Amino acid sequence: MDVLNSLLIYLNITIKGVIDPDSVLGRIIIILIISVGAHIIVIVIRKISRFFVKSVSGKSIARLTSVTGLLTSILIFIIYFLALGYILKSVGISLTAYVASASIIGLAVGFGSQGIVQDVVTGFTLIISNLIDVGRMVEINGQAGIVKSISMRFVVIRNAMGAEVHIPNRNISVVINYTKGYVDCNIDVILPEKAGEMTELNDLINKHVKSVYERYPNILIESKPKEKILKTSAGKQLKRIMFKIWPGRGTPIENTFRQELFQSIKAIDSSYADWMISVNYEIEKEKIK
């Protein structure tokens, strides 16, 4: 406060040598100087914040990015809030009246401040408890995506469609972390026992797999899935196709891909049954020490 008061006095003294600060033109100049000055300070703070985050490396980078983003957002809000107060002061409204006036701030306190406090407190809680960090794949209140930023008011995530979803911090109730950054969607196809049919079937499977990332690229984290041959204890040989997909985006694989693949196999092997193709979602196994 003392610094800003001193700055305003300095501006008044400087302007008096050129123009009367009590005149309309003088007040306009003061307002412009305060507005531009506040905006420049905000730009500098943002640049310092980005430089600080980029200069740090290591496992804590995500947490640091989250905390820095939230603190920067709060600091920017304070600067603009004070700048507006001094602009009002230059036109004859005191800072005390600006903060305490029922006509200017009363409604904000009554209807908005409680939400703002909840947003800030919730934002810090989420970061400190390690529930959300920038760069993580999460699902918040049913919205899945990668966390792009955590500010004083919102958590911003980018979903599979590339859209940015802004979720108010106070509305966050359910958080799911996908620690691997994707969901494993495995398709198990039981292979026929005859070797000749197996070769033909492999070519058919590969053709259908290729069509998935041609038709549904927005559901995949990686464009080409991994494959491996497994043998069960019952003697069945199966081919496992391992897709890495966005959370909640497996419907085209569960329905369209599976049905089209089954119908194609059925056309070359009439004995092939529907149950011989299954879709499973694999969770990450925790290491037991």
Protein backbone atom coordinates (compact mmCIF):
# COMPACT_ATOMS: atom_id res chain seq x y z
CA MET A 1 0.00 0.00 0.00
CA ASP A 2 2.75 2.45 1.03
CA VAL A 3 4.64 1.73 -2.19
CA LEU A 4 1.58 2.40 -4.36
CA ASN A 5 0.76 5.57 -2.41
CA SER A 6 4.30 6.80 -2.93
CA LEU A 7 4.06 5.95 -6.64
CA LEU A 8 0.80 7.88 -6.97
CA ILE A 9 2.28 10.92 -5.15
CA TYR A 10 5.30 10.78 -7.44
CA LEU A 11 3.05 10.68 -10.48
CA ASN A 12 1.05 13.65 -9.22
CA ILE A 13 4.18 15.70 -8.59
CA THR A 14 5.61 14.85 -12.00
CA ILE A 15 2.38 15.62 -13.81
CA LYS A 16 1.97 18.96 -11.97
CA GLY A 17 4.97 20.25 -13.84
CA VAL A 18 3.17 19.63 -17.10
CA ILE A 19 -0.56 19.50 -16.46
CA ASP A 20 -2.97 19.89 -13.55
CA PRO A 21 -3.70 16.37 -12.13
CA ASP A 22 -7.07 17.63 -10.90
CA SER A 23 -8.17 18.42 -14.43
CA VAL A 24 -10.00 15.93 -16.61
CA LEU A 25 -6.96 15.47 -18.84
CA GLY A 26 -4.69 15.00 -15.84
CA ARG A 27 -6.93 12.30 -14.40
CA ILE A 28 -7.09 10.53 -17.74
CA ILE A 29 -3.28 10.51 -17.91
CA ILE A 30 -3.04 9.09 -14.35
CA ILE A 31 -5.60 6.39 -15.19
CA LEU A 32 -3.67 5.44 -18.33
CA ILE A 33 -0.36 5.32 -16.46
CA ILE A 34 -1.81 3.12 -13.70
CA SER A 35 -3.57 0.83 -16.19
CA VAL A 36 -0.53 0.42 -18.46
CA GLY A 37 1.80 0.08 -15.47
CA ALA A 38 -0.35 -2.65 -13.89
CA HIS A 39 -0.54 -4.50 -17.20
CA ILE A 40 3.24 -4.31 -17.68
CA ILE A 41 3.80 -5.62 -14.14
CA VAL A 42 1.45 -8.53 -14.89
CA ILE A 43 3.33 -9.34 -18.11
CA VAL A 44 6.65 -9.28 -16.23
CA ILE A 45 5.26 -11.56 -13.49
CA ARG A 46 4.02 -14.06 -16.09
CA LYS A 47 7.38 -14.06 -17.89
CA ILE A 48 9.26 -14.56 -14.62
CA SER A 49 6.87 -17.38 -13.70
CA ARG A 50 7.41 -19.15 -17.04
CA PHE A 51 11.19 -18.67 -16.85
CA PHE A 52 11.28 -20.04 -13.31
CA VAL A 53 9.29 -23.15 -14.29
CA LYS A 54 11.42 -23.78 -17.41
CA SER A 55 14.66 -23.44 -15.44
CA VAL A 56 13.69 -26.23 -13.03
CA SER A 57 13.86 -29.89 -13.94
CA GLY A 58 13.21 -33.13 -12.13
CA LYS A 59 10.30 -35.16 -10.84
CA SER A 60 8.77 -32.17 -9.02
CA ILE A 61 8.33 -30.10 -12.19
CA ALA A 62 4.61 -30.90 -12.50
CA ARG A 63 3.87 -29.94 -8.89
CA LEU A 64 6.00 -26.78 -9.20
CA THR A 65 4.17 -25.77 -12.38
CA SER A 66 0.83 -26.21 -10.64
CA VAL A 67 1.79 -24.20 -7.54
CA THR A 68 3.50 -21.46 -9.57
CA GLY A 69 0.48 -21.12 -11.84
CA LEU A 70 -1.91 -20.80 -8.90
CA LEU A 71 0.27 -18.26 -7.03
CA THR A 72 0.78 -16.24 -10.22
CA SER A 73 -2.97 -16.14 -10.77
CA ILE A 74 -3.57 -14.87 -7.23
CA LEU A 75 -0.84 -12.23 -7.52
CA ILE A 76 -2.22 -10.97 -10.84
CA PHE A 77 -5.70 -10.69 -9.31
CA ILE A 78 -4.32 -8.61 -6.43
CA ILE A 79 -2.44 -6.27 -8.79
CA TYR A 80 -5.48 -5.61 -10.95
CA PHE A 81 -7.68 -5.21 -7.88
CA LEU A 82 -5.35 -2.56 -6.40
CA ALA A 83 -4.87 -0.84 -9.77
CA LEU A 84 -8.64 -0.46 -10.10
CA GLY A 85 -8.76 0.94 -6.58
CA TYR A 86 -6.19 3.63 -7.38
CA ILE A 87 -7.96 4.45 -10.64
CA LEU A 88 -11.13 5.07 -8.65
CA LYS A 89 -9.12 7.11 -6.16
CA SER A 90 -7.89 9.36 -8.97
CA VAL A 91 -11.49 10.24 -9.77
CA GLY A 92 -12.33 11.04 -6.17
CA ILE A 93 -13.33 7.69 -4.68
CA SER A 94 -11.22 6.70 -1.66
CA LEU A 95 -9.61 3.28 -1.34
CA THR A 96 -11.59 2.73 1.86
CA ALA A 97 -14.81 3.39 0.02
CA TYR A 98 -13.66 1.11 -2.82
CA VAL A 99 -13.07 -1.81 -0.47
CA ALA A 100 -15.97 -1.24 1.89
CA SER A 101 -18.63 0.30 -0.33
CA ALA A 102 -21.77 -1.80 -0.43
CA SER A 103 -22.65 -0.44 -3.87
CA ILE A 104 -19.36 -1.51 -5.50
CA ILE A 105 -18.01 -4.50 -3.58
CA GLY A 106 -20.97 -5.52 -1.46
CA LEU A 107 -22.59 -7.60 -4.19
CA ALA A 108 -19.27 -9.23 -5.06
CA VAL A 109 -18.71 -10.11 -1.40
CA GLY A 110 -22.24 -11.42 -1.04
CA PHE A 111 -22.45 -13.40 -4.25
CA GLY A 112 -18.90 -13.97 -5.47
CA SER A 113 -16.28 -13.77 -2.75
CA GLN A 114 -17.38 -16.96 -1.05
CA GLY A 115 -16.95 -18.82 -4.35
CA ILE A 116 -13.55 -17.22 -4.95
CA VAL A 117 -12.32 -18.26 -1.49
CA GLN A 118 -13.59 -21.79 -2.10
CA ASP A 119 -11.83 -21.88 -5.48
CA VAL A 120 -8.49 -20.77 -4.00
CA VAL A 121 -8.65 -23.09 -0.99
CA THR A 122 -9.73 -26.04 -3.14
CA GLY A 123 -6.99 -25.32 -5.68
CA PHE A 124 -4.28 -25.38 -2.99
CA THR A 125 -5.78 -28.51 -1.44
CA LEU A 126 -5.74 -30.35 -4.77
CA ILE A 127 -2.08 -29.47 -5.38
CA ILE A 128 -0.82 -30.13 -1.85
CA SER A 129 -2.63 -33.47 -1.67
CA ASN A 130 -1.06 -34.43 -5.03
CA LEU A 131 -4.45 -35.11 -6.62
CA ILE A 132 -3.89 -32.91 -9.67
CA ASP A 133 -0.73 -31.72 -11.41
CA VAL A 134 -0.12 -30.05 -14.75
CA GLY A 135 0.56 -32.63 -17.45
CA ARG A 136 -1.37 -35.45 -15.80
CA MET A 137 -4.13 -37.46 -17.44
CA VAL A 138 -7.16 -37.10 -15.17
CA GLU A 139 -10.91 -37.38 -15.11
CA ILE A 140 -12.69 -34.64 -13.17
CA ASN A 141 -16.45 -34.75 -12.67
CA GLY A 142 -16.76 -36.98 -15.72
CA GLN A 143 -14.49 -34.82 -17.93
CA ALA A 144 -11.31 -36.66 -19.01
CA GLY A 145 -8.20 -34.98 -20.36
CA ILE A 146 -4.68 -33.71 -19.71
CA VAL A 147 -4.31 -30.93 -17.13
CA LYS A 148 -3.04 -27.79 -18.89
CA SER A 149 -3.18 -25.32 -16.01
CA ILE A 150 -4.40 -24.75 -12.45
CA SER A 151 -5.39 -21.16 -11.70
CA MET A 152 -7.04 -19.35 -8.83
CA ARG A 153 -10.50 -20.09 -10.22
CA PHE A 154 -10.26 -22.98 -12.68
CA VAL A 155 -8.56 -26.23 -13.58
CA VAL A 156 -8.17 -26.36 -17.36
CA ILE A 157 -7.96 -29.76 -19.07
CA ARG A 158 -7.61 -30.56 -22.76
CA ASN A 159 -9.78 -33.48 -23.82
CA ALA A 160 -9.47 -36.02 -26.62
CA MET A 161 -11.14 -33.64 -29.09
CA GLY A 162 -8.55 -30.91 -28.38
CA ALA A 163 -11.10 -28.72 -26.59
CA GLU A 164 -10.15 -26.93 -23.37
CA VAL A 165 -12.55 -27.58 -20.50
CA HIS A 166 -12.57 -25.04 -17.65
CA ILE A 167 -13.72 -26.58 -14.37
CA PRO A 168 -14.28 -24.26 -11.36
CA ASN A 169 -12.14 -25.47 -8.47
CA ARG A 170 -15.04 -25.43 -6.01
CA ASN A 171 -17.06 -27.76 -8.24
CA ILE A 172 -14.41 -30.49 -8.27
CA SER A 173 -15.80 -33.45 -6.38
CA VAL A 174 -14.43 -36.60 -8.05
CA VAL A 175 -10.87 -36.89 -9.39
CA ILE A 176 -9.52 -39.96 -11.18
CA ASN A 177 -5.79 -40.06 -11.97
CA TYR A 178 -4.57 -42.16 -14.90
CA THR A 179 -0.97 -42.53 -13.78
CA LYS A 180 0.14 -44.16 -17.03
CA GLY A 181 -1.35 -41.33 -19.07
CA TYR A 182 -3.75 -43.63 -20.91
CA VAL A 183 -6.14 -46.58 -20.55
CA ASP A 184 -5.19 -50.05 -21.77
CA CYS A 185 -7.92 -51.48 -23.99
CA ASN A 186 -7.06 -55.09 -24.85
CA ILE A 187 -8.84 -57.15 -27.48
CA ASP A 188 -8.32 -60.91 -27.14
CA VAL A 189 -9.01 -62.89 -30.32
CA ILE A 190 -8.92 -66.67 -29.95
CA LEU A 191 -7.08 -68.16 -32.92
CA PRO A 192 -8.26 -71.30 -34.73
CA GLU A 193 -6.24 -74.44 -34.28
CA LYS A 194 -5.54 -74.95 -37.98
CA ALA A 195 -2.29 -73.28 -39.07
CA GLY A 196 -3.56 -72.37 -42.53
CA GLU A 197 -6.56 -70.52 -41.15
CA MET A 198 -4.36 -68.80 -38.59
CA THR A 199 -2.28 -67.08 -41.30
CA GLU A 200 -5.38 -65.85 -43.08
CA LEU A 201 -6.89 -64.74 -39.80
CA ASN A 202 -3.80 -62.76 -38.80
CA ASP A 203 -3.94 -60.80 -42.05
CA LEU A 204 -7.63 -60.14 -41.47
CA ILE A 205 -7.05 -58.94 -37.91
CA ASN A 206 -4.23 -56.62 -38.98
CA LYS A 207 -6.46 -55.08 -41.64
CA HIS A 208 -9.21 -54.34 -39.11
CA VAL A 209 -6.72 -52.98 -36.56
CA LYS A 210 -5.35 -50.58 -39.16
CA SER A 211 -8.88 -49.34 -39.85
CA VAL A 212 -9.28 -48.35 -36.17
CA TYR A 213 -6.55 -45.72 -36.21
CA GLU A 214 -7.67 -44.59 -39.68
CA ARG A 215 -11.30 -44.11 -38.62
CA TYR A 216 -10.99 -43.21 -34.93
CA PRO A 217 -7.67 -41.39 -34.43
CA ASN A 218 -9.13 -39.17 -31.69
CA ILE A 219 -9.67 -42.10 -29.30
CA LEU A 220 -6.06 -43.29 -29.42
CA ILE A 221 -3.07 -42.06 -27.41
CA GLU A 222 -0.73 -44.03 -29.70
CA SER A 223 -1.66 -44.57 -33.33
CA LYS A 224 -0.43 -48.16 -33.61
CA PRO A 225 -1.29 -50.80 -30.98
CA LYS A 226 1.04 -53.51 -29.75
CA GLU A 227 0.24 -57.18 -30.33
CA LYS A 228 1.33 -60.47 -28.82
CA ILE A 229 0.40 -64.15 -28.96
CA LEU A 230 -0.68 -65.81 -25.69
CA LYS A 231 -1.49 -69.37 -24.74
CA THR A 232 -3.96 -70.13 -21.97
CA SER A 233 -3.72 -72.98 -19.49
CA ALA A 234 -6.68 -74.55 -21.30
CA GLY A 235 -4.58 -74.79 -24.45
CA LYS A 236 -6.26 -71.96 -26.33
CA GLN A 237 -4.04 -69.71 -28.41
CA LEU A 238 -5.09 -66.10 -28.68
CA LYS A 239 -3.88 -62.86 -30.17
CA ARG A 240 -3.97 -59.85 -27.85
CA ILE A 241 -4.22 -56.40 -29.43
CA MET A 242 -3.28 -53.67 -26.94
CA PHE A 243 -4.68 -50.21 -27.65
CA LYS A 244 -3.69 -47.18 -25.58
CA ILE A 245 -6.77 -44.99 -25.56
CA TRP A 246 -8.26 -41.90 -23.94
CA PRO A 247 -10.42 -42.60 -20.86
CA GLY A 248 -14.03 -43.26 -21.73
CA ARG A 249 -13.35 -43.47 -25.48
CA GLY A 250 -13.48 -47.23 -25.96
CA THR A 251 -17.01 -47.53 -27.38
CA PRO A 252 -15.96 -47.74 -31.07
CA ILE A 253 -13.60 -50.59 -30.16
CA GLU A 254 -16.12 -52.39 -27.94
CA ASN A 255 -18.90 -52.20 -30.48
CA THR A 256 -17.97 -51.34 -34.08
CA PHE A 257 -14.48 -52.84 -34.27
CA ARG A 258 -15.37 -55.99 -32.36
CA GLN A 259 -18.53 -56.67 -34.40
CA GLU A 260 -16.89 -55.98 -37.75
CA LEU A 261 -13.95 -58.23 -36.86
CA PHE A 262 -16.29 -61.00 -35.69
CA GLN A 263 -18.37 -60.84 -38.87
CA SER A 264 -15.24 -60.99 -41.04
CA ILE A 265 -13.86 -64.00 -39.17
CA LYS A 266 -17.27 -65.65 -39.26
CA ALA A 267 -17.25 -65.33 -43.05
CA ILE A 268 -14.12 -67.48 -43.32
CA ASP A 269 -14.87 -69.78 -40.37
CA SER A 270 -18.56 -70.53 -39.81
CA SER A 271 -17.82 -72.22 -36.47
CA TYR A 272 -16.30 -69.07 -34.99
CA ALA A 273 -18.36 -67.92 -31.98
CA ASP A 274 -19.07 -64.44 -30.68
CA TRP A 275 -17.51 -65.15 -27.27
CA MET A 276 -14.14 -65.83 -28.91
CA ILE A 277 -13.48 -62.08 -29.17
CA SER A 278 -13.41 -60.18 -25.89
CA VAL A 279 -12.61 -56.58 -24.92
CA ASN A 280 -10.97 -55.89 -21.56
CA TYR A 281 -9.70 -52.79 -19.81
CA GLU A 282 -6.48 -53.30 -17.91
CA ILE A 283 -5.59 -51.33 -14.80
CA GLU A 284 -2.03 -50.67 -13.72
CA LYS A 285 -0.80 -53.25 -11.25
CA GLU A 286 0.76 -51.85 -8.08
CA LYS A 287 4.12 -53.25 -7.06
CA ILE A 288 3.98 -55.07 -3.74
CA LYS A 289 7.11 -54.55 -1.70
